[in-house]
Every structure is written in structure tokens, then in C-alpha cells.
PDB file of all heavy atoms in Angstrom:
ATOM      1  N   ILE A   1      -3.160  -0.479   9.137  1.00  0.00           N
ATOM      2  CA  ILE A   1      -2.476  -0.830   7.887  1.00  0.00           C
ATOM      3  C   ILE A   1      -2.202  -2.328   7.845  1.00  0.00           C
ATOM      4  O   ILE A   1      -2.315  -2.976   6.805  1.00  0.00           O
ATOM      5  CB  ILE A   1      -1.181  -0.017   7.733  1.00  0.00           C
ATOM      6  CG1 ILE A   1      -1.504   1.474   7.554  1.00  0.00           C
ATOM      7  CG2 ILE A   1      -0.347  -0.519   6.556  1.00  0.00           C
ATOM      8  CD1 ILE A   1      -0.279   2.383   7.535  1.00  0.00           C
ATOM      9  N   LEU A   2      -1.848  -2.897   8.992  1.00  0.00           N
ATOM     10  CA  LEU A   2      -1.556  -4.323   9.073  1.00  0.00           C
ATOM     11  C   LEU A   2      -2.813  -5.184   9.276  1.00  0.00           C
ATOM     12  O   LEU A   2      -2.710  -6.403   9.368  1.00  0.00           O
ATOM     13  CB  LEU A   2      -0.574  -4.586  10.226  1.00  0.00           C
ATOM     14  CG  LEU A   2       0.878  -4.203   9.962  1.00  0.00           C
ATOM     15  CD1 LEU A   2       1.661  -4.178  11.261  1.00  0.00           C
ATOM     16  CD2 LEU A   2       1.516  -5.177   8.986  1.00  0.00           C
ATOM     17  N   ARG A   3      -3.961  -4.528   9.375  1.00  0.00           N
ATOM     18  CA  ARG A   3      -5.224  -5.224   9.635  1.00  0.00           C
ATOM     19  C   ARG A   3      -5.145  -6.034  10.935  1.00  0.00           C
ATOM     20  O   ARG A   3      -5.555  -7.187  10.998  1.00  0.00           O
ATOM     21  CB  ARG A   3      -5.579  -6.135   8.467  1.00  0.00           C
ATOM     22  CG  ARG A   3      -6.097  -5.434   7.215  1.00  0.00           C
ATOM     23  CD  ARG A   3      -7.601  -5.275   7.225  1.00  0.00           C
ATOM     24  NE  ARG A   3      -8.257  -6.563   7.421  1.00  0.00           N
ATOM     25  CZ  ARG A   3      -8.518  -7.426   6.434  1.00  0.00           C
ATOM     26  NH1 ARG A   3      -8.195  -7.141   5.182  1.00  0.00           N
ATOM     27  NH2 ARG A   3      -9.116  -8.578   6.700  1.00  0.00           N
ATOM     28  N   LEU A   4      -4.603  -5.420  11.978  1.00  0.00           N
ATOM     29  CA  LEU A   4      -4.474  -6.081  13.271  1.00  0.00           C
ATOM     30  C   LEU A   4      -5.434  -5.501  14.312  1.00  0.00           C
ATOM     31  O   LEU A   4      -5.255  -5.699  15.508  1.00  0.00           O
ATOM     32  CB  LEU A   4      -3.032  -5.975  13.783  1.00  0.00           C
ATOM     33  CG  LEU A   4      -1.994  -6.825  13.039  1.00  0.00           C
ATOM     34  CD1 LEU A   4      -0.592  -6.526  13.546  1.00  0.00           C
ATOM     35  CD2 LEU A   4      -2.307  -8.313  13.175  1.00  0.00           C
ATOM     36  N   ILE A   5      -6.422  -4.764  13.862  1.00  0.00           N
ATOM     37  CA  ILE A   5      -7.420  -4.206  14.773  1.00  0.00           C
ATOM     38  C   ILE A   5      -8.365  -5.311  15.225  1.00  0.00           C
ATOM     39  O   ILE A   5      -8.915  -6.051  14.408  1.00  0.00           O
ATOM     40  CB  ILE A   5      -8.214  -3.075  14.095  1.00  0.00           C
ATOM     41  CG1 ILE A   5      -7.269  -1.935  13.686  1.00  0.00           C
ATOM     42  CG2 ILE A   5      -9.306  -2.551  15.020  1.00  0.00           C
ATOM     43  CD1 ILE A   5      -6.562  -1.257  14.822  1.00  0.00           C
ATOM     44  N   GLN A   6      -8.539  -5.431  16.529  1.00  0.00           N
ATOM     45  CA  GLN A   6      -9.398  -6.468  17.098  1.00  0.00           C
ATOM     46  C   GLN A   6     -10.684  -5.846  17.651  1.00  0.00           C
ATOM     47  O   GLN A   6     -10.686  -4.694  18.074  1.00  0.00           O
ATOM     48  CB  GLN A   6      -8.664  -7.200  18.228  1.00  0.00           C
ATOM     49  CG  GLN A   6      -7.386  -7.902  17.779  1.00  0.00           C
ATOM     50  CD  GLN A   6      -7.657  -9.032  16.810  1.00  0.00           C
ATOM     51  OE1 GLN A   6      -8.625  -9.772  16.969  1.00  0.00           O
ATOM     52  NE2 GLN A   6      -6.819  -9.156  15.785  1.00  0.00           N
ATOM     53  N   PRO A   7     -11.793  -6.612  17.673  1.00  0.00           N
ATOM     54  CA  PRO A   7     -13.030  -6.107  18.277  1.00  0.00           C
ATOM     55  C   PRO A   7     -12.783  -5.675  19.726  1.00  0.00           C
ATOM     56  O   PRO A   7     -11.945  -6.290  20.399  1.00  0.00           O
ATOM     57  CB  PRO A   7     -13.969  -7.318  18.210  1.00  0.00           C
ATOM     58  CG  PRO A   7     -13.425  -8.153  17.094  1.00  0.00           C
ATOM     59  CD  PRO A   7     -11.938  -7.959  17.140  1.00  0.00           C
ATOM     60  N   PRO A   8     -13.424  -4.586  20.169  1.00  0.00           N
ATOM     61  CA  PRO A   8     -14.547  -3.896  19.523  1.00  0.00           C
ATOM     62  C   PRO A   8     -14.151  -2.883  18.462  1.00  0.00           C
ATOM     63  O   PRO A   8     -14.985  -2.131  17.991  1.00  0.00           O
ATOM     64  CB  PRO A   8     -15.213  -3.187  20.711  1.00  0.00           C
ATOM     65  CG  PRO A   8     -14.071  -2.855  21.619  1.00  0.00           C
ATOM     66  CD  PRO A   8     -13.136  -4.026  21.519  1.00  0.00           C
ATOM     67  N   GLY A   9     -12.855  -2.864  18.084  1.00  0.00           N
ATOM     68  CA  GLY A   9     -12.434  -1.943  17.046  1.00  0.00           C
ATOM     69  C   GLY A   9     -12.709  -2.492  15.661  1.00  0.00           C
ATOM     70  O   GLY A   9     -12.757  -3.700  15.452  1.00  0.00           O
ATOM     71  N   ARG A  10     -12.903  -1.594  14.702  1.00  0.00           N
ATOM     72  CA  ARG A  10     -13.075  -2.017  13.314  1.00  0.00           C
ATOM     73  C   ARG A  10     -12.747  -0.855  12.385  1.00  0.00           C
ATOM     74  O   ARG A  10     -12.876   0.323  12.757  1.00  0.00           O
ATOM     75  CB  ARG A  10     -14.483  -2.532  13.061  1.00  0.00           C
ATOM     76  CG  ARG A  10     -15.555  -1.444  13.014  1.00  0.00           C
ATOM     77  CD  ARG A  10     -16.947  -2.025  12.821  1.00  0.00           C
ATOM     78  NE  ARG A  10     -17.943  -0.990  12.621  1.00  0.00           N
ATOM     79  CZ  ARG A  10     -19.229  -1.129  12.919  1.00  0.00           C
ATOM     80  NH1 ARG A  10     -19.656  -2.260  13.469  1.00  0.00           N
ATOM     81  NH2 ARG A  10     -20.090  -0.149  12.693  1.00  0.00           N
ATOM     82  N   ILE A  11     -12.292  -1.208  11.188  1.00  0.00           N
ATOM     83  CA  ILE A  11     -12.066  -0.212  10.140  1.00  0.00           C
ATOM     84  C   ILE A  11     -13.410   0.049   9.472  1.00  0.00           C
ATOM     85  O   ILE A  11     -14.069  -0.883   8.982  1.00  0.00           O
ATOM     86  CB  ILE A  11     -11.022  -0.710   9.135  1.00  0.00           C
ATOM     87  CG1 ILE A  11      -9.678  -0.947   9.839  1.00  0.00           C
ATOM     88  CG2 ILE A  11     -10.853   0.288   7.993  1.00  0.00           C
ATOM     89  CD1 ILE A  11      -8.614  -1.567   8.958  1.00  0.00           C
ATOM     90  N   GLU A  12     -13.827   1.296   9.461  1.00  0.00           N
ATOM     91  CA  GLU A  12     -15.172   1.649   9.002  1.00  0.00           C
ATOM     92  C   GLU A  12     -15.278   1.611   7.478  1.00  0.00           C
ATOM     93  O   GLU A  12     -14.290   1.811   6.758  1.00  0.00           O
ATOM     94  CB  GLU A  12     -15.538   3.057   9.503  1.00  0.00           C
ATOM     95  CG  GLU A  12     -15.604   3.181  11.007  1.00  0.00           C
ATOM     96  CD  GLU A  12     -16.709   2.330  11.617  1.00  0.00           C
ATOM     97  OE1 GLU A  12     -17.854   2.382  11.107  1.00  0.00           O
ATOM     98  OE2 GLU A  12     -16.436   1.604  12.592  1.00  0.00           O
ATOM     99  N   PRO A  13     -16.484   1.348   6.962  1.00  0.00           N
ATOM    100  CA  PRO A  13     -16.718   1.374   5.512  1.00  0.00           C
ATOM    101  C   PRO A  13     -16.315   2.717   4.915  1.00  0.00           C
ATOM    102  O   PRO A  13     -16.493   3.770   5.535  1.00  0.00           O
ATOM    103  CB  PRO A  13     -18.236   1.146   5.397  1.00  0.00           C
ATOM    104  CG  PRO A  13     -18.605   0.422   6.656  1.00  0.00           C
ATOM    105  CD  PRO A  13     -17.701   0.963   7.714  1.00  0.00           C
ATOM    106  N   GLY A  14     -15.761   2.673   3.721  1.00  0.00           N
ATOM    107  CA  GLY A  14     -15.294   3.881   3.047  1.00  0.00           C
ATOM    108  C   GLY A  14     -13.808   4.131   3.227  1.00  0.00           C
ATOM    109  O   GLY A  14     -13.225   4.917   2.483  1.00  0.00           O
ATOM    110  N   SER A  15     -13.188   3.462   4.207  1.00  0.00           N
ATOM    111  CA  SER A  15     -11.746   3.571   4.400  1.00  0.00           C
ATOM    112  C   SER A  15     -11.029   2.761   3.325  1.00  0.00           C
ATOM    113  O   SER A  15     -11.484   1.680   2.936  1.00  0.00           O
ATOM    114  CB  SER A  15     -11.348   3.037   5.783  1.00  0.00           C
ATOM    115  OG  SER A  15     -12.062   3.677   6.812  1.00  0.00           O
ATOM    116  N   ARG A  16      -9.882   3.261   2.858  1.00  0.00           N
ATOM    117  CA  ARG A  16      -9.080   2.529   1.884  1.00  0.00           C
ATOM    118  C   ARG A  16      -7.608   2.573   2.295  1.00  0.00           C
ATOM    119  O   ARG A  16      -7.105   3.616   2.718  1.00  0.00           O
ATOM    120  CB  ARG A  16      -9.229   3.106   0.470  1.00  0.00           C
ATOM    121  CG  ARG A  16     -10.579   2.814  -0.161  1.00  0.00           C
ATOM    122  CD  ARG A  16     -10.634   3.291  -1.606  1.00  0.00           C
ATOM    123  NE  ARG A  16      -9.713   2.568  -2.467  1.00  0.00           N
ATOM    124  CZ  ARG A  16      -9.980   1.386  -3.041  1.00  0.00           C
ATOM    125  NH1 ARG A  16     -11.141   0.794  -2.814  1.00  0.00           N
ATOM    126  NH2 ARG A  16      -9.098   0.795  -3.819  1.00  0.00           N
ATOM    127  N   ILE A  17      -6.945   1.432   2.170  1.00  0.00           N
ATOM    128  CA  ILE A  17      -5.505   1.352   2.375  1.00  0.00           C
ATOM    129  C   ILE A  17      -4.942   0.623   1.164  1.00  0.00           C
ATOM    130  O   ILE A  17      -4.997  -0.611   1.089  1.00  0.00           O
ATOM    131  CB  ILE A  17      -5.145   0.594   3.671  1.00  0.00           C
ATOM    132  CG1 ILE A  17      -5.825   1.240   4.873  1.00  0.00           C
ATOM    133  CG2 ILE A  17      -3.625   0.573   3.869  1.00  0.00           C
ATOM    134  CD1 ILE A  17      -5.707   0.424   6.160  1.00  0.00           C
ATOM    135  N   GLU A  18      -4.467   1.370   0.188  1.00  0.00           N
ATOM    136  CA  GLU A  18      -3.990   0.791  -1.059  1.00  0.00           C
ATOM    137  C   GLU A  18      -2.493   0.506  -0.950  1.00  0.00           C
ATOM    138  O   GLU A  18      -1.701   1.385  -0.613  1.00  0.00           O
ATOM    139  CB  GLU A  18      -4.279   1.730  -2.222  1.00  0.00           C
ATOM    140  CG  GLU A  18      -5.777   1.953  -2.446  1.00  0.00           C
ATOM    141  CD  GLU A  18      -6.070   2.936  -3.570  1.00  0.00           C
ATOM    142  OE1 GLU A  18      -5.097   3.431  -4.178  1.00  0.00           O
ATOM    143  OE2 GLU A  18      -7.257   3.217  -3.810  1.00  0.00           O
ATOM    144  N   PHE A  19      -2.112  -0.737  -1.246  1.00  0.00           N
ATOM    145  CA  PHE A  19      -0.714  -1.164  -1.161  1.00  0.00           C
ATOM    146  C   PHE A  19      -0.401  -2.061  -2.350  1.00  0.00           C
ATOM    147  O   PHE A  19      -1.062  -3.091  -2.533  1.00  0.00           O
ATOM    148  CB  PHE A  19      -0.475  -1.918   0.153  1.00  0.00           C
ATOM    149  CG  PHE A  19       0.897  -2.543   0.260  1.00  0.00           C
ATOM    150  CD1 PHE A  19       2.012  -1.761   0.503  1.00  0.00           C
ATOM    151  CD2 PHE A  19       1.058  -3.915   0.110  1.00  0.00           C
ATOM    152  CE1 PHE A  19       3.271  -2.329   0.589  1.00  0.00           C
ATOM    153  CE2 PHE A  19       2.306  -4.493   0.201  1.00  0.00           C
ATOM    154  CZ  PHE A  19       3.428  -3.698   0.429  1.00  0.00           C
ATOM    155  N   GLU A  20       0.545  -1.629  -3.157  1.00  0.00           N
ATOM    156  CA  GLU A  20       0.939  -2.387  -4.348  1.00  0.00           C
ATOM    157  C   GLU A  20      -0.267  -2.790  -5.184  1.00  0.00           C
ATOM    158  O   GLU A  20      -0.400  -3.919  -5.654  1.00  0.00           O
ATOM    159  CB  GLU A  20       1.766  -3.617  -3.952  1.00  0.00           C
ATOM    160  CG  GLU A  20       3.107  -3.256  -3.310  1.00  0.00           C
ATOM    161  CD  GLU A  20       3.971  -4.468  -3.016  1.00  0.00           C
ATOM    162  OE1 GLU A  20       3.411  -5.566  -2.797  1.00  0.00           O
ATOM    163  OE2 GLU A  20       5.216  -4.326  -3.016  1.00  0.00           O
ATOM    164  N   GLY A  21      -1.183  -1.831  -5.347  1.00  0.00           N
ATOM    165  CA  GLY A  21      -2.342  -2.052  -6.202  1.00  0.00           C
ATOM    166  C   GLY A  21      -3.499  -2.790  -5.572  1.00  0.00           C
ATOM    167  O   GLY A  21      -4.501  -3.053  -6.246  1.00  0.00           O
ATOM    168  N   LYS A  22      -3.404  -3.126  -4.287  1.00  0.00           N
ATOM    169  CA  LYS A  22      -4.469  -3.846  -3.602  1.00  0.00           C
ATOM    170  C   LYS A  22      -5.027  -3.001  -2.465  1.00  0.00           C
ATOM    171  O   LYS A  22      -4.286  -2.285  -1.795  1.00  0.00           O
ATOM    172  CB  LYS A  22      -3.962  -5.176  -3.046  1.00  0.00           C
ATOM    173  CG  LYS A  22      -3.461  -6.155  -4.096  1.00  0.00           C
ATOM    174  CD  LYS A  22      -2.961  -7.429  -3.450  1.00  0.00           C
ATOM    175  CE  LYS A  22      -2.479  -8.426  -4.495  1.00  0.00           C
ATOM    176  NZ  LYS A  22      -1.967  -9.682  -3.858  1.00  0.00           N
ATOM    177  N   ASP A  23      -6.337  -3.113  -2.258  1.00  0.00           N
ATOM    178  CA  ASP A  23      -6.970  -2.457  -1.113  1.00  0.00           C
ATOM    179  C   ASP A  23      -6.932  -3.425   0.063  1.00  0.00           C
ATOM    180  O   ASP A  23      -7.666  -4.418   0.093  1.00  0.00           O
ATOM    181  CB  ASP A  23      -8.404  -2.061  -1.441  1.00  0.00           C
ATOM    182  CG  ASP A  23      -9.119  -1.414  -0.256  1.00  0.00           C
ATOM    183  OD1 ASP A  23      -8.408  -0.933   0.662  1.00  0.00           O
ATOM    184  OD2 ASP A  23     -10.359  -1.401  -0.240  1.00  0.00           O
ATOM    185  N   LEU A  24      -6.066  -3.142   1.036  1.00  0.00           N
ATOM    186  CA  LEU A  24      -5.886  -4.062   2.161  1.00  0.00           C
ATOM    187  C   LEU A  24      -7.147  -4.228   2.991  1.00  0.00           C
ATOM    188  O   LEU A  24      -7.341  -5.271   3.619  1.00  0.00           O
ATOM    189  CB  LEU A  24      -4.730  -3.573   3.050  1.00  0.00           C
ATOM    190  CG  LEU A  24      -3.357  -3.421   2.387  1.00  0.00           C
ATOM    191  CD1 LEU A  24      -2.306  -3.048   3.434  1.00  0.00           C
ATOM    192  CD2 LEU A  24      -2.950  -4.695   1.659  1.00  0.00           C
ATOM    193  N   VAL A  25      -7.995  -3.213   3.013  1.00  0.00           N
ATOM    194  CA  VAL A  25      -9.214  -3.282   3.829  1.00  0.00           C
ATOM    195  C   VAL A  25     -10.154  -4.374   3.334  1.00  0.00           C
ATOM    196  O   VAL A  25     -10.819  -5.046   4.130  1.00  0.00           O
ATOM    197  CB  VAL A  25      -9.930  -1.912   3.846  1.00  0.00           C
ATOM    198  CG1 VAL A  25     -11.240  -1.994   4.624  1.00  0.00           C
ATOM    199  CG2 VAL A  25      -9.028  -0.842   4.445  1.00  0.00           C
ATOM    200  N   SER A  26     -10.189  -4.579   2.024  1.00  0.00           N
ATOM    201  CA  SER A  26     -11.149  -5.524   1.455  1.00  0.00           C
ATOM    202  C   SER A  26     -10.577  -6.923   1.240  1.00  0.00           C
ATOM    203  O   SER A  26     -11.301  -7.829   0.821  1.00  0.00           O
ATOM    204  CB  SER A  26     -11.670  -4.987   0.110  1.00  0.00           C
ATOM    205  OG  SER A  26     -10.602  -4.855  -0.819  1.00  0.00           O
ATOM    206  N   LEU A  27      -9.284  -7.139   1.538  1.00  0.00           N
ATOM    207  CA  LEU A  27      -8.679  -8.452   1.321  1.00  0.00           C
ATOM    208  C   LEU A  27      -9.204  -9.481   2.322  1.00  0.00           C
ATOM    209  O   LEU A  27      -9.535  -9.152   3.461  1.00  0.00           O
ATOM    210  CB  LEU A  27      -7.158  -8.367   1.446  1.00  0.00           C
ATOM    211  CG  LEU A  27      -6.389  -7.633   0.342  1.00  0.00           C
ATOM    212  CD1 LEU A  27      -4.897  -7.767   0.586  1.00  0.00           C
ATOM    213  CD2 LEU A  27      -6.750  -8.160  -1.040  1.00  0.00           C
ATOM    214  N   GLY A  28      -9.229 -10.746   1.903  1.00  0.00           N
ATOM    215  CA  GLY A  28      -9.590 -11.828   2.807  1.00  0.00           C
ATOM    216  C   GLY A  28      -8.473 -12.115   3.787  1.00  0.00           C
ATOM    217  O   GLY A  28      -7.333 -11.659   3.627  1.00  0.00           O
ATOM    218  N   ASP A  29      -8.785 -12.909   4.813  1.00  0.00           N
ATOM    219  CA  ASP A  29      -7.810 -13.191   5.873  1.00  0.00           C
ATOM    220  C   ASP A  29      -6.552 -13.867   5.336  1.00  0.00           C
ATOM    221  O   ASP A  29      -5.438 -13.548   5.759  1.00  0.00           O
ATOM    222  CB  ASP A  29      -8.461 -14.073   6.947  1.00  0.00           C
ATOM    223  CG  ASP A  29      -9.538 -13.337   7.723  1.00  0.00           C
ATOM    224  OD1 ASP A  29      -9.550 -12.093   7.660  1.00  0.00           O
ATOM    225  OD2 ASP A  29     -10.351 -14.002   8.387  1.00  0.00           O
ATOM    226  N   GLU A  30      -6.708 -14.813   4.408  1.00  0.00           N
ATOM    227  CA  GLU A  30      -5.550 -15.526   3.874  1.00  0.00           C
ATOM    228  C   GLU A  30      -4.645 -14.587   3.090  1.00  0.00           C
ATOM    229  O   GLU A  30      -3.402 -14.632   3.206  1.00  0.00           O
ATOM    230  CB  GLU A  30      -6.013 -16.679   2.978  1.00  0.00           C
ATOM    231  CG  GLU A  30      -4.887 -17.590   2.529  1.00  0.00           C
ATOM    232  CD  GLU A  30      -4.222 -18.321   3.685  1.00  0.00           C
ATOM    233  OE1 GLU A  30      -4.909 -18.596   4.697  1.00  0.00           O
ATOM    234  OE2 GLU A  30      -3.004 -18.580   3.583  1.00  0.00           O
ATOM    235  N   GLU A  31      -5.239 -13.704   2.301  1.00  0.00           N
ATOM    236  CA  GLU A  31      -4.444 -12.762   1.504  1.00  0.00           C
ATOM    237  C   GLU A  31      -3.685 -11.787   2.394  1.00  0.00           C
ATOM    238  O   GLU A  31      -2.513 -11.493   2.151  1.00  0.00           O
ATOM    239  CB  GLU A  31      -5.361 -11.993   0.555  1.00  0.00           C
ATOM    240  CG  GLU A  31      -5.953 -12.823  -0.562  1.00  0.00           C
ATOM    241  CD  GLU A  31      -6.907 -11.994  -1.404  1.00  0.00           C
ATOM    242  OE1 GLU A  31      -8.041 -11.725  -0.928  1.00  0.00           O
ATOM    243  OE2 GLU A  31      -6.538 -11.618  -2.531  1.00  0.00           O
ATOM    244  N   ILE A  32      -4.335 -11.276   3.440  1.00  0.00           N
ATOM    245  CA  ILE A  32      -3.659 -10.305   4.298  1.00  0.00           C
ATOM    246  C   ILE A  32      -2.567 -10.975   5.119  1.00  0.00           C
ATOM    247  O   ILE A  32      -1.527 -10.370   5.402  1.00  0.00           O
ATOM    248  CB  ILE A  32      -4.676  -9.561   5.212  1.00  0.00           C
ATOM    249  CG1 ILE A  32      -4.045  -8.273   5.779  1.00  0.00           C
ATOM    250  CG2 ILE A  32      -5.163 -10.438   6.344  1.00  0.00           C
ATOM    251  CD1 ILE A  32      -3.754  -7.231   4.759  1.00  0.00           C
ATOM    252  N   ARG A  33      -2.742 -12.245   5.471  1.00  0.00           N
ATOM    253  CA  ARG A  33      -1.683 -12.967   6.184  1.00  0.00           C
ATOM    254  C   ARG A  33      -0.446 -13.133   5.306  1.00  0.00           C
ATOM    255  O   ARG A  33       0.681 -13.110   5.810  1.00  0.00           O
ATOM    256  CB  ARG A  33      -2.192 -14.320   6.660  1.00  0.00           C
ATOM    257  CG  ARG A  33      -2.925 -14.277   7.988  1.00  0.00           C
ATOM    258  CD  ARG A  33      -3.082 -15.663   8.593  1.00  0.00           C
ATOM    259  NE  ARG A  33      -3.939 -16.507   7.780  1.00  0.00           N
ATOM    260  CZ  ARG A  33      -5.254 -16.632   7.967  1.00  0.00           C
ATOM    261  NH1 ARG A  33      -5.850 -15.956   8.942  1.00  0.00           N
ATOM    262  NH2 ARG A  33      -5.972 -17.425   7.194  1.00  0.00           N
ATOM    263  N   HIS A  34      -0.657 -13.304   4.014  1.00  0.00           N
ATOM    264  CA  HIS A  34       0.472 -13.436   3.096  1.00  0.00           C
ATOM    265  C   HIS A  34       1.261 -12.126   2.994  1.00  0.00           C
ATOM    266  O   HIS A  34       2.495 -12.134   2.894  1.00  0.00           O
ATOM    267  CB  HIS A  34      -0.017 -13.848   1.703  1.00  0.00           C
ATOM    268  CG  HIS A  34       1.078 -13.921   0.677  1.00  0.00           C
ATOM    269  ND1 HIS A  34       2.013 -14.932   0.669  1.00  0.00           N
ATOM    270  CD2 HIS A  34       1.399 -13.084  -0.352  1.00  0.00           C
ATOM    271  CE1 HIS A  34       2.860 -14.736  -0.327  1.00  0.00           C
ATOM    272  NE2 HIS A  34       2.508 -13.621  -0.961  1.00  0.00           N
ATOM    273  N   ILE A  35       0.552 -11.006   3.035  1.00  0.00           N
ATOM    274  CA  ILE A  35       1.212  -9.703   2.941  1.00  0.00           C
ATOM    275  C   ILE A  35       1.881  -9.339   4.262  1.00  0.00           C
ATOM    276  O   ILE A  35       3.018  -8.846   4.292  1.00  0.00           O
ATOM    277  CB  ILE A  35       0.188  -8.623   2.535  1.00  0.00           C
ATOM    278  CG1 ILE A  35      -0.250  -8.849   1.083  1.00  0.00           C
ATOM    279  CG2 ILE A  35       0.754  -7.219   2.717  1.00  0.00           C
ATOM    280  CD1 ILE A  35      -1.381  -7.954   0.635  1.00  0.00           C
ATOM    281  N   ARG A  36       1.201  -9.602   5.367  1.00  0.00           N
ATOM    282  CA  ARG A  36       1.708  -9.253   6.688  1.00  0.00           C
ATOM    283  C   ARG A  36       2.928 -10.115   7.032  1.00  0.00           C
ATOM    284  O   ARG A  36       2.852 -11.332   7.053  1.00  0.00           O
ATOM    285  CB  ARG A  36       0.600  -9.453   7.719  1.00  0.00           C
ATOM    286  CG  ARG A  36       0.915  -8.916   9.095  1.00  0.00           C
ATOM    287  CD  ARG A  36      -0.131  -9.392  10.085  1.00  0.00           C
ATOM    288  NE  ARG A  36      -1.484  -8.997   9.731  1.00  0.00           N
ATOM    289  CZ  ARG A  36      -2.534  -9.795   9.799  1.00  0.00           C
ATOM    290  NH1 ARG A  36      -2.402 -11.062  10.163  1.00  0.00           N
ATOM    291  NH2 ARG A  36      -3.738  -9.352   9.478  1.00  0.00           N
ATOM    292  N   GLY A  37       4.050  -9.491   7.292  1.00  0.00           N
ATOM    293  CA  GLY A  37       5.278 -10.205   7.611  1.00  0.00           C
ATOM    294  C   GLY A  37       6.111 -10.520   6.386  1.00  0.00           C
ATOM    295  O   GLY A  37       7.304 -10.802   6.497  1.00  0.00           O
ATOM    296  N   ASN A  38       5.481 -10.466   5.226  1.00  0.00           N
ATOM    297  CA  ASN A  38       6.186 -10.742   3.977  1.00  0.00           C
ATOM    298  C   ASN A  38       6.474  -9.448   3.218  1.00  0.00           C
ATOM    299  O   ASN A  38       7.630  -9.105   2.984  1.00  0.00           O
ATOM    300  CB  ASN A  38       5.343 -11.700   3.116  1.00  0.00           C
ATOM    301  CG  ASN A  38       6.092 -12.213   1.914  1.00  0.00           C
ATOM    302  OD1 ASN A  38       7.279 -11.961   1.750  1.00  0.00           O
ATOM    303  ND2 ASN A  38       5.405 -12.938   1.049  1.00  0.00           N
ATOM    304  N   ARG A  39       5.402  -8.725   2.857  1.00  0.00           N
ATOM    305  CA  ARG A  39       5.559  -7.453   2.139  1.00  0.00           C
ATOM    306  C   ARG A  39       5.496  -6.252   3.079  1.00  0.00           C
ATOM    307  O   ARG A  39       6.021  -5.198   2.774  1.00  0.00           O
ATOM    308  CB  ARG A  39       4.473  -7.326   1.064  1.00  0.00           C
ATOM    309  CG  ARG A  39       4.484  -8.429   0.025  1.00  0.00           C
ATOM    310  CD  ARG A  39       5.808  -8.444  -0.740  1.00  0.00           C
ATOM    311  NE  ARG A  39       5.993  -7.197  -1.491  1.00  0.00           N
ATOM    312  CZ  ARG A  39       7.190  -6.681  -1.759  1.00  0.00           C
ATOM    313  NH1 ARG A  39       8.283  -7.270  -1.329  1.00  0.00           N
ATOM    314  NH2 ARG A  39       7.274  -5.567  -2.456  1.00  0.00           N
ATOM    315  N   ILE A  40       4.795  -6.391   4.197  1.00  0.00           N
ATOM    316  CA  ILE A  40       4.747  -5.338   5.221  1.00  0.00           C
ATOM    317  C   ILE A  40       5.098  -5.984   6.552  1.00  0.00           C
ATOM    318  O   ILE A  40       4.538  -7.016   6.921  1.00  0.00           O
ATOM    319  CB  ILE A  40       3.347  -4.697   5.337  1.00  0.00           C
ATOM    320  CG1 ILE A  40       2.868  -4.145   3.990  1.00  0.00           C
ATOM    321  CG2 ILE A  40       3.366  -3.574   6.370  1.00  0.00           C
ATOM    322  CD1 ILE A  40       1.452  -3.606   4.027  1.00  0.00           C
ATOM    323  N   SER A  41       6.029  -5.394   7.281  1.00  0.00           N
ATOM    324  CA  SER A  41       6.382  -5.921   8.600  1.00  0.00           C
ATOM    325  C   SER A  41       6.423  -4.783   9.609  1.00  0.00           C
ATOM    326  O   SER A  41       6.373  -3.612   9.238  1.00  0.00           O
ATOM    327  CB  SER A  41       7.733  -6.646   8.563  1.00  0.00           C
ATOM    328  OG  SER A  41       8.755  -5.765   8.152  1.00  0.00           O
TER     329      SER A  41
END
């Protein structure tokens, strides 16, 4: 949910994590950093 999975782990295609209208899986690194610690902790 926090997009903190590190290699060799990965979230597989077809997975969705919808939060406040956004799919966290498809967000860029900058966008997820803004959410992490701010909107989700």
C-alpha cells in the first residue's frame, strides 16, 4: 500500500490500490512520496 516493496519483490500488473481517487500502483515516485507520510503513514 505504501509502495515500499524493494527488488526482488514487485507489485504485479493488474493489481490496484485505489486511495482518494488515485491508483497508487501507477503513480510516479514523486507523487507517491507526497502521499507517503502525508496522507498515509
